[in-house]
Amino acid sequence: MLRDSIENDIEYYNTDRNQWTLIKMTPAEHRNHLLSATIQGLSFKNLYLKP
């Protein structure tokens, strides 16, 4: 019961909860965003530079 509750909280935190420090994305969305940029040849530090 406690284990299920903890697993549900972790699942929510990683997949549903938007986070201000991750550009209002969930951690899973942010990870996929960074992986997509890396595959396209962009560097991580250039993703957050404003024009």
C-alpha atoms as a PDB file:
ATOM      1  CA  MET A   1       0.000   0.000   0.000  1.00  0.00           C
ATOM      2  CA  LEU A   2       2.739   2.481   0.929  1.00  0.00           C
ATOM      3  CA  ARG A   3       4.864   1.244  -1.963  1.00  0.00           C
ATOM      4  CA  ASP A   4       1.981   1.782  -4.414  1.00  0.00           C
ATOM      5  CA  SER A   5       1.439   5.282  -3.076  1.00  0.00           C
ATOM      6  CA  ILE A   6       5.104   6.155  -3.510  1.00  0.00           C
ATOM      7  CA  GLU A   7       5.198   4.687  -7.023  1.00  0.00           C
ATOM      8  CA  ASN A   8       2.094   6.697  -7.960  1.00  0.00           C
ATOM      9  CA  ASP A   9       3.675   9.887  -6.615  1.00  0.00           C
ATOM     10  CA  ILE A  10       6.870   9.265  -8.583  1.00  0.00           C
ATOM     11  CA  GLU A  11       4.880   8.544 -11.747  1.00  0.00           C
ATOM     12  CA  TYR A  12       2.912  11.782 -11.293  1.00  0.00           C
ATOM     13  CA  TYR A  13       6.069  13.796 -10.626  1.00  0.00           C
ATOM     14  CA  ASN A  14       7.842  12.477 -13.729  1.00  0.00           C
ATOM     15  CA  THR A  15       4.997  12.448 -16.242  1.00  0.00           C
ATOM     16  CA  ASP A  16       2.198  14.844 -15.247  1.00  0.00           C
ATOM     17  CA  ARG A  17       3.548  17.647 -13.077  1.00  0.00           C
ATOM     18  CA  ASN A  18       4.785  20.682 -15.015  1.00  0.00           C
ATOM     19  CA  GLN A  19       7.889  22.246 -13.497  1.00  0.00           C
ATOM     20  CA  TRP A  20       8.840  25.899 -13.757  1.00  0.00           C
ATOM     21  CA  THR A  21      12.576  25.156 -13.802  1.00  0.00           C
ATOM     22  CA  LEU A  22      12.132  22.857 -16.825  1.00  0.00           C
ATOM     23  CA  ILE A  23      10.448  25.435 -19.063  1.00  0.00           C
ATOM     24  CA  LYS A  24       7.013  24.361 -17.786  1.00  0.00           C
ATOM     25  CA  MET A  25       7.518  20.798 -19.030  1.00  0.00           C
ATOM     26  CA  THR A  26       7.276  17.549 -17.141  1.00  0.00           C
ATOM     27  CA  PRO A  27      10.637  15.876 -16.489  1.00  0.00           C
ATOM     28  CA  ALA A  28       9.832  13.259 -19.154  1.00  0.00           C
ATOM     29  CA  GLU A  29       8.953  15.941 -21.728  1.00  0.00           C
ATOM     30  CA  HIS A  30      12.132  17.871 -20.892  1.00  0.00           C
ATOM     31  CA  ARG A  31      14.293  14.755 -21.293  1.00  0.00           C
ATOM     32  CA  ASN A  32      12.712  14.029 -24.678  1.00  0.00           C
ATOM     33  CA  HIS A  33      13.174  17.674 -25.708  1.00  0.00           C
ATOM     34  CA  LEU A  34      16.886  17.535 -24.893  1.00  0.00           C
ATOM     35  CA  LEU A  35      17.360  14.179 -26.611  1.00  0.00           C
ATOM     36  CA  SER A  36      15.605  15.479 -29.708  1.00  0.00           C
ATOM     37  CA  ALA A  37      17.855  18.547 -29.800  1.00  0.00           C
ATOM     38  CA  THR A  38      20.965  16.406 -29.373  1.00  0.00           C
ATOM     39  CA  ILE A  39      19.931  14.158 -32.244  1.00  0.00           C
ATOM     40  CA  GLN A  40      19.427  17.221 -34.438  1.00  0.00           C
ATOM     41  CA  GLY A  41      22.959  18.375 -33.658  1.00  0.00           C
ATOM     42  CA  LEU A  42      22.169  21.203 -31.267  1.00  0.00           C
ATOM     43  CA  SER A  43      23.975  21.657 -27.986  1.00  0.00           C
ATOM     44  CA  PHE A  44      22.133  21.814 -24.663  1.00  0.00           C
ATOM     45  CA  LYS A  45      23.432  25.261 -23.757  1.00  0.00           C
ATOM     46  CA  ASN A  46      22.045  26.798 -26.966  1.00  0.00           C
ATOM     47  CA  LEU A  47      18.502  25.560 -26.259  1.00  0.00           C
ATOM     48  CA  TYR A  48      17.840  28.256 -23.671  1.00  0.00           C
ATOM     49  CA  LEU A  49      19.401  31.285 -25.298  1.00  0.00           C
ATOM     50  CA  LYS A  50      16.846  33.893 -26.222  1.00  0.00           C
ATOM     51  CA  PRO A  51      17.252  35.606 -29.606  1.00  0.00           C
END
